PDB file of all heavy atoms in Angstrom:
ATOM      1  N   ARG A   1       4.476 -11.087  -5.134  1.00  0.00           N
ATOM      2  CA  ARG A   1       4.809 -10.387  -3.896  1.00  0.00           C
ATOM      3  C   ARG A   1       4.152  -9.013  -3.848  1.00  0.00           C
ATOM      4  O   ARG A   1       3.721  -8.571  -2.808  1.00  0.00           O
ATOM      5  CB  ARG A   1       6.328 -10.214  -3.779  1.00  0.00           C
ATOM      6  CG  ARG A   1       6.991 -11.418  -3.234  1.00  0.00           C
ATOM      7  CD  ARG A   1       8.419 -11.104  -2.875  1.00  0.00           C
ATOM      8  NE  ARG A   1       9.206 -12.251  -3.234  1.00  0.00           N
ATOM      9  CZ  ARG A   1      10.393 -12.229  -3.751  1.00  0.00           C
ATOM     10  NH1 ARG A   1      10.994 -11.092  -3.991  1.00  0.00           N
ATOM     11  NH2 ARG A   1      11.024 -13.335  -4.041  1.00  0.00           N
ATOM     12  N   SER A   2       4.046  -8.345  -4.934  1.00  0.00           N
ATOM     13  CA  SER A   2       3.469  -7.004  -4.921  1.00  0.00           C
ATOM     14  C   SER A   2       1.947  -7.035  -4.775  1.00  0.00           C
ATOM     15  O   SER A   2       1.364  -6.090  -4.282  1.00  0.00           O
ATOM     16  CB  SER A   2       3.874  -6.229  -6.178  1.00  0.00           C
ATOM     17  OG  SER A   2       3.330  -6.850  -7.324  1.00  0.00           O
ATOM     18  N   THR A   3       1.279  -8.102  -5.189  1.00  0.00           N
ATOM     19  CA  THR A   3      -0.174  -8.171  -5.049  1.00  0.00           C
ATOM     20  C   THR A   3      -0.607  -8.822  -3.733  1.00  0.00           C
ATOM     21  O   THR A   3      -1.742  -8.651  -3.318  1.00  0.00           O
ATOM     22  CB  THR A   3      -0.810  -8.956  -6.216  1.00  0.00           C
ATOM     23  OG1 THR A   3      -0.256 -10.261  -6.257  1.00  0.00           O
ATOM     24  CG2 THR A   3      -0.604  -8.236  -7.527  1.00  0.00           C
ATOM     25  N   LEU A   4       0.308  -9.531  -3.064  1.00  0.00           N
ATOM     26  CA  LEU A   4      -0.039 -10.188  -1.813  1.00  0.00           C
ATOM     27  C   LEU A   4      -0.505  -9.190  -0.751  1.00  0.00           C
ATOM     28  O   LEU A   4      -1.544  -9.417  -0.120  1.00  0.00           O
ATOM     29  CB  LEU A   4       1.139 -11.029  -1.309  1.00  0.00           C
ATOM     30  CG  LEU A   4       0.846 -11.923  -0.121  1.00  0.00           C
ATOM     31  CD1 LEU A   4      -0.279 -12.901  -0.447  1.00  0.00           C
ATOM     32  CD2 LEU A   4       2.100 -12.670   0.293  1.00  0.00           C
ATOM     33  N   PRO A   5       0.177  -8.068  -0.512  1.00  0.00           N
ATOM     34  CA  PRO A   5      -0.341  -7.098   0.460  1.00  0.00           C
ATOM     35  C   PRO A   5      -1.719  -6.567   0.083  1.00  0.00           C
ATOM     36  O   PRO A   5      -2.558  -6.331   0.944  1.00  0.00           O
ATOM     37  CB  PRO A   5       0.708  -5.981   0.456  1.00  0.00           C
ATOM     38  CG  PRO A   5       1.957  -6.621  -0.042  1.00  0.00           C
ATOM     39  CD  PRO A   5       1.502  -7.681  -1.003  1.00  0.00           C
ATOM     40  N   LEU A   6      -1.968  -6.389  -1.216  1.00  0.00           N
ATOM     41  CA  LEU A   6      -3.268  -5.907  -1.681  1.00  0.00           C
ATOM     42  C   LEU A   6      -4.358  -6.931  -1.365  1.00  0.00           C
ATOM     43  O   LEU A   6      -5.437  -6.577  -0.895  1.00  0.00           O
ATOM     44  CB  LEU A   6      -3.220  -5.617  -3.183  1.00  0.00           C
ATOM     45  CG  LEU A   6      -4.507  -5.111  -3.810  1.00  0.00           C
ATOM     46  CD1 LEU A   6      -4.895  -3.767  -3.202  1.00  0.00           C
ATOM     47  CD2 LEU A   6      -4.357  -4.994  -5.314  1.00  0.00           C
ATOM     48  N   ILE A   7      -4.055  -8.204  -1.571  1.00  0.00           N
ATOM     49  CA  ILE A   7      -5.025  -9.266  -1.286  1.00  0.00           C
ATOM     50  C   ILE A   7      -5.291  -9.339   0.215  1.00  0.00           C
ATOM     51  O   ILE A   7      -6.446  -9.403   0.652  1.00  0.00           O
ATOM     52  CB  ILE A   7      -4.518 -10.623  -1.829  1.00  0.00           C
ATOM     53  CG1 ILE A   7      -4.505 -10.594  -3.365  1.00  0.00           C
ATOM     54  CG2 ILE A   7      -5.378 -11.775  -1.321  1.00  0.00           C
ATOM     55  CD1 ILE A   7      -3.791 -11.767  -3.995  1.00  0.00           C
ATOM     56  N   ILE A   8      -4.245  -9.299   1.027  1.00  0.00           N
ATOM     57  CA  ILE A   8      -4.394  -9.362   2.481  1.00  0.00           C
ATOM     58  C   ILE A   8      -5.163  -8.147   2.995  1.00  0.00           C
ATOM     59  O   ILE A   8      -6.066  -8.261   3.818  1.00  0.00           O
ATOM     60  CB  ILE A   8      -3.021  -9.489   3.173  1.00  0.00           C
ATOM     61  CG1 ILE A   8      -2.415 -10.854   2.849  1.00  0.00           C
ATOM     62  CG2 ILE A   8      -3.146  -9.306   4.685  1.00  0.00           C
ATOM     63  CD1 ILE A   8      -0.983 -11.025   3.313  1.00  0.00           C
ATOM     64  N   GLY A   9      -4.823  -6.976   2.477  1.00  0.00           N
ATOM     65  CA  GLY A   9      -5.518  -5.755   2.881  1.00  0.00           C
ATOM     66  C   GLY A   9      -6.993  -5.797   2.514  1.00  0.00           C
ATOM     67  O   GLY A   9      -7.863  -5.414   3.300  1.00  0.00           O
ATOM     68  N   SER A  10      -7.304  -6.272   1.314  1.00  0.00           N
ATOM     69  CA  SER A  10      -8.695  -6.382   0.870  1.00  0.00           C
ATOM     70  C   SER A  10      -9.470  -7.367   1.738  1.00  0.00           C
ATOM     71  O   SER A  10     -10.616  -7.117   2.109  1.00  0.00           O
ATOM     72  CB  SER A  10      -8.757  -6.828  -0.593  1.00  0.00           C
ATOM     73  OG  SER A  10      -8.151  -5.878  -1.424  1.00  0.00           O
ATOM     74  N   ALA A  11      -8.843  -8.476   2.064  1.00  0.00           N
ATOM     75  CA  ALA A  11      -9.497  -9.471   2.921  1.00  0.00           C
ATOM     76  C   ALA A  11      -9.758  -8.887   4.309  1.00  0.00           C
ATOM     77  O   ALA A  11     -10.833  -9.074   4.879  1.00  0.00           O
ATOM     78  CB  ALA A  11      -8.638 -10.732   3.019  1.00  0.00           C
ATOM     79  N   ALA A  12      -8.794  -8.161   4.853  1.00  0.00           N
ATOM     80  CA  ALA A  12      -8.963  -7.556   6.183  1.00  0.00           C
ATOM     81  C   ALA A  12     -10.097  -6.541   6.183  1.00  0.00           C
ATOM     82  O   ALA A  12     -10.920  -6.509   7.097  1.00  0.00           O
ATOM     83  CB  ALA A  12      -7.656  -6.905   6.630  1.00  0.00           C
ATOM     84  N   ILE A  13     -10.163  -5.714   5.158  1.00  0.00           N
ATOM     85  CA  ILE A  13     -11.242  -4.719   5.060  1.00  0.00           C
ATOM     86  C   ILE A  13     -12.592  -5.418   4.929  1.00  0.00           C
ATOM     87  O   ILE A  13     -13.570  -5.024   5.563  1.00  0.00           O
ATOM     88  CB  ILE A  13     -10.987  -3.749   3.885  1.00  0.00           C
ATOM     89  CG1 ILE A  13      -9.800  -2.845   4.236  1.00  0.00           C
ATOM     90  CG2 ILE A  13     -12.224  -2.920   3.571  1.00  0.00           C
ATOM     91  CD1 ILE A  13      -9.298  -2.000   3.090  1.00  0.00           C
ATOM     92  N   SER A  14     -12.661  -6.480   4.140  1.00  0.00           N
ATOM     93  CA  SER A  14     -13.907  -7.226   3.984  1.00  0.00           C
ATOM     94  C   SER A  14     -14.365  -7.818   5.304  1.00  0.00           C
ATOM     95  O   SER A  14     -15.547  -7.763   5.657  1.00  0.00           O
ATOM     96  CB  SER A  14     -13.733  -8.354   2.959  1.00  0.00           C
ATOM     97  OG  SER A  14     -13.438  -7.823   1.694  1.00  0.00           O
ATOM     98  N   VAL A  15     -13.424  -8.377   6.056  1.00  0.00           N
ATOM     99  CA  VAL A  15     -13.767  -8.959   7.361  1.00  0.00           C
ATOM    100  C   VAL A  15     -14.290  -7.871   8.287  1.00  0.00           C
ATOM    101  O   VAL A  15     -15.276  -8.062   8.996  1.00  0.00           O
ATOM    102  CB  VAL A  15     -12.549  -9.691   7.967  1.00  0.00           C
ATOM    103  CG1 VAL A  15     -12.775 -10.010   9.423  1.00  0.00           C
ATOM    104  CG2 VAL A  15     -12.259 -10.960   7.183  1.00  0.00           C
ATOM    105  N   LEU A  16     -13.624  -6.714   8.290  1.00  0.00           N
ATOM    106  CA  LEU A  16     -14.070  -5.623   9.151  1.00  0.00           C
ATOM    107  C   LEU A  16     -15.458  -5.120   8.758  1.00  0.00           C
ATOM    108  O   LEU A  16     -16.295  -4.864   9.613  1.00  0.00           O
ATOM    109  CB  LEU A  16     -13.068  -4.464   9.114  1.00  0.00           C
ATOM    110  CG  LEU A  16     -11.744  -4.725   9.825  1.00  0.00           C
ATOM    111  CD1 LEU A  16     -10.789  -3.565   9.586  1.00  0.00           C
ATOM    112  CD2 LEU A  16     -11.956  -4.927  11.309  1.00  0.00           C
ATOM    113  N   LEU A  17     -15.703  -4.960   7.461  1.00  0.00           N
ATOM    114  CA  LEU A  17     -16.988  -4.431   7.004  1.00  0.00           C
ATOM    115  C   LEU A  17     -18.126  -5.429   7.171  1.00  0.00           C
ATOM    116  O   LEU A  17     -19.234  -5.070   7.566  1.00  0.00           O
ATOM    117  CB  LEU A  17     -16.893  -3.987   5.542  1.00  0.00           C
ATOM    118  CG  LEU A  17     -16.018  -2.767   5.267  1.00  0.00           C
ATOM    119  CD1 LEU A  17     -15.918  -2.509   3.776  1.00  0.00           C
ATOM    120  CD2 LEU A  17     -16.554  -1.542   5.985  1.00  0.00           C
ATOM    121  N   LEU A  18     -17.868  -6.671   6.867  1.00  0.00           N
ATOM    122  CA  LEU A  18     -18.915  -7.689   6.935  1.00  0.00           C
ATOM    123  C   LEU A  18     -18.968  -8.389   8.286  1.00  0.00           C
ATOM    124  O   LEU A  18     -20.016  -8.853   8.711  1.00  0.00           O
ATOM    125  CB  LEU A  18     -18.697  -8.741   5.837  1.00  0.00           C
ATOM    126  CG  LEU A  18     -18.803  -8.229   4.406  1.00  0.00           C
ATOM    127  CD1 LEU A  18     -18.438  -9.335   3.428  1.00  0.00           C
ATOM    128  CD2 LEU A  18     -20.187  -7.696   4.126  1.00  0.00           C
ATOM    129  N   GLY A  19     -17.840  -8.451   8.969  1.00  0.00           N
ATOM    130  CA  GLY A  19     -17.758  -9.204  10.215  1.00  0.00           C
ATOM    131  C   GLY A  19     -18.631  -8.655  11.319  1.00  0.00           C
ATOM    132  O   GLY A  19     -19.305  -9.396  12.013  1.00  0.00           O
ATOM    133  N   ARG A  20     -18.632  -7.342  11.495  1.00  0.00           N
ATOM    134  CA  ARG A  20     -19.402  -6.760  12.598  1.00  0.00           C
ATOM    135  C   ARG A  20     -20.902  -7.009  12.454  1.00  0.00           C
ATOM    136  O   ARG A  20     -21.535  -7.476  13.403  1.00  0.00           O
ATOM    137  CB  ARG A  20     -19.090  -5.275  12.700  1.00  0.00           C
ATOM    138  CG  ARG A  20     -19.690  -4.662  13.921  1.00  0.00           C
ATOM    139  CD  ARG A  20     -19.201  -3.277  14.123  1.00  0.00           C
ATOM    140  NE  ARG A  20     -19.803  -2.747  15.335  1.00  0.00           N
ATOM    141  CZ  ARG A  20     -19.526  -1.586  15.842  1.00  0.00           C
ATOM    142  NH1 ARG A  20     -18.634  -0.826  15.270  1.00  0.00           N
ATOM    143  NH2 ARG A  20     -20.125  -1.170  16.917  1.00  0.00           N
ATOM    144  N   PRO A  21     -21.506  -6.723  11.278  1.00  0.00           N
ATOM    145  CA  PRO A  21     -22.947  -7.033  11.153  1.00  0.00           C
ATOM    146  C   PRO A  21     -23.241  -8.529  11.292  1.00  0.00           C
ATOM    147  O   PRO A  21     -24.235  -8.915  11.899  1.00  0.00           O
ATOM    148  CB  PRO A  21     -23.312  -6.539   9.751  1.00  0.00           C
ATOM    149  CG  PRO A  21     -22.255  -5.561   9.390  1.00  0.00           C
ATOM    150  CD  PRO A  21     -21.020  -6.001  10.107  1.00  0.00           C
ATOM    151  N   LEU A  22     -22.362  -9.374  10.742  1.00  0.00           N
ATOM    152  CA  LEU A  22     -22.573 -10.816  10.872  1.00  0.00           C
ATOM    153  C   LEU A  22     -22.444 -11.252  12.324  1.00  0.00           C
ATOM    154  O   LEU A  22     -23.211 -12.080  12.811  1.00  0.00           O
ATOM    155  CB  LEU A  22     -21.580 -11.584   9.994  1.00  0.00           C
ATOM    156  CG  LEU A  22     -21.847 -11.511   8.495  1.00  0.00           C
ATOM    157  CD1 LEU A  22     -20.719 -12.169   7.714  1.00  0.00           C
ATOM    158  CD2 LEU A  22     -23.181 -12.152   8.150  1.00  0.00           C
ATOM    159  N   TRP A  23     -21.463 -10.684  13.042  1.00  0.00           N
ATOM    160  CA  TRP A  23     -21.288 -11.031  14.461  1.00  0.00           C
ATOM    161  C   TRP A  23     -22.519 -10.614  15.254  1.00  0.00           C
ATOM    162  O   TRP A  23     -23.017 -11.357  16.082  1.00  0.00           O
ATOM    163  CB  TRP A  23     -20.043 -10.346  15.019  1.00  0.00           C
ATOM    164  CG  TRP A  23     -19.786 -10.735  16.446  1.00  0.00           C
ATOM    165  CD1 TRP A  23     -20.272 -10.134  17.568  1.00  0.00           C
ATOM    166  CD2 TRP A  23     -19.025 -11.843  16.906  1.00  0.00           C
ATOM    167  NE1 TRP A  23     -19.845 -10.779  18.696  1.00  0.00           N
ATOM    168  CE2 TRP A  23     -19.069 -11.839  18.314  1.00  0.00           C
ATOM    169  CE3 TRP A  23     -18.299 -12.835  16.266  1.00  0.00           C
ATOM    170  CZ2 TRP A  23     -18.417 -12.784  19.090  1.00  0.00           C
ATOM    171  CZ3 TRP A  23     -17.639 -13.776  17.047  1.00  0.00           C
ATOM    172  CH2 TRP A  23     -17.712 -13.740  18.437  1.00  0.00           C
ATOM    173  N   ARG A  24     -23.011  -9.395  14.981  1.00  0.00           N
ATOM    174  CA  ARG A  24     -24.210  -8.928  15.700  1.00  0.00           C
ATOM    175  C   ARG A  24     -25.411  -9.807  15.409  1.00  0.00           C
ATOM    176  O   ARG A  24     -26.238 -10.046  16.276  1.00  0.00           O
ATOM    177  CB  ARG A  24     -24.523  -7.487  15.349  1.00  0.00           C
ATOM    178  CG  ARG A  24     -23.611  -6.529  16.042  1.00  0.00           C
ATOM    179  CD  ARG A  24     -24.054  -5.128  15.822  1.00  0.00           C
ATOM    180  NE  ARG A  24     -23.169  -4.251  16.561  1.00  0.00           N
ATOM    181  CZ  ARG A  24     -23.487  -3.050  16.952  1.00  0.00           C
ATOM    182  NH1 ARG A  24     -24.661  -2.566  16.667  1.00  0.00           N
ATOM    183  NH2 ARG A  24     -22.633  -2.323  17.613  1.00  0.00           N
ATOM    184  N   ALA A  25     -25.539 -10.259  14.167  1.00  0.00           N
ATOM    185  CA  ALA A  25     -26.699 -11.063  13.781  1.00  0.00           C
ATOM    186  C   ALA A  25     -26.608 -12.505  14.286  1.00  0.00           C
ATOM    187  O   ALA A  25     -27.596 -13.067  14.727  1.00  0.00           O
ATOM    188  CB  ALA A  25     -26.862 -11.052  12.265  1.00  0.00           C
ATOM    189  N   PHE A  26     -25.410 -13.086  14.240  1.00  0.00           N
ATOM    190  CA  PHE A  26     -25.295 -14.517  14.512  1.00  0.00           C
ATOM    191  C   PHE A  26     -24.339 -14.868  15.649  1.00  0.00           C
ATOM    192  O   PHE A  26     -24.372 -15.973  16.154  1.00  0.00           O
ATOM    193  CB  PHE A  26     -24.848 -15.256  13.250  1.00  0.00           C
ATOM    194  CG  PHE A  26     -25.776 -15.050  12.096  1.00  0.00           C
ATOM    195  CD1 PHE A  26     -25.416 -14.243  11.025  1.00  0.00           C
ATOM    196  CD2 PHE A  26     -27.034 -15.633  12.081  1.00  0.00           C
ATOM    197  CE1 PHE A  26     -26.275 -14.053   9.955  1.00  0.00           C
ATOM    198  CE2 PHE A  26     -27.896 -15.440  11.021  1.00  0.00           C
ATOM    199  CZ  PHE A  26     -27.518 -14.648   9.958  1.00  0.00           C
ATOM    200  N   GLY A  27     -23.479 -13.950  16.027  1.00  0.00           N
ATOM    201  CA  GLY A  27     -22.485 -14.238  17.059  1.00  0.00           C
ATOM    202  C   GLY A  27     -23.033 -14.048  18.457  1.00  0.00           C
ATOM    203  O   GLY A  27     -24.075 -13.429  18.658  1.00  0.00           O
ATOM    204  N   PRO A  28     -22.334 -14.583  19.449  1.00  0.00           N
ATOM    205  CA  PRO A  28     -22.778 -14.408  20.834  1.00  0.00           C
ATOM    206  C   PRO A  28     -22.532 -12.980  21.311  1.00  0.00           C
ATOM    207  O   PRO A  28     -21.687 -12.270  20.767  1.00  0.00           O
ATOM    208  CB  PRO A  28     -21.903 -15.399  21.608  1.00  0.00           C
ATOM    209  CG  PRO A  28     -20.676 -15.524  20.775  1.00  0.00           C
ATOM    210  CD  PRO A  28     -21.118 -15.363  19.345  1.00  0.00           C
TER     211      PRO A  28
END
């Protein structure tokens, strides 16, 4: 339970950091 927020937070940050450049490159 104590590491679950850390995992979710890390995943969210990764999506935000990587998602925008990937969306610009490949998304509509």
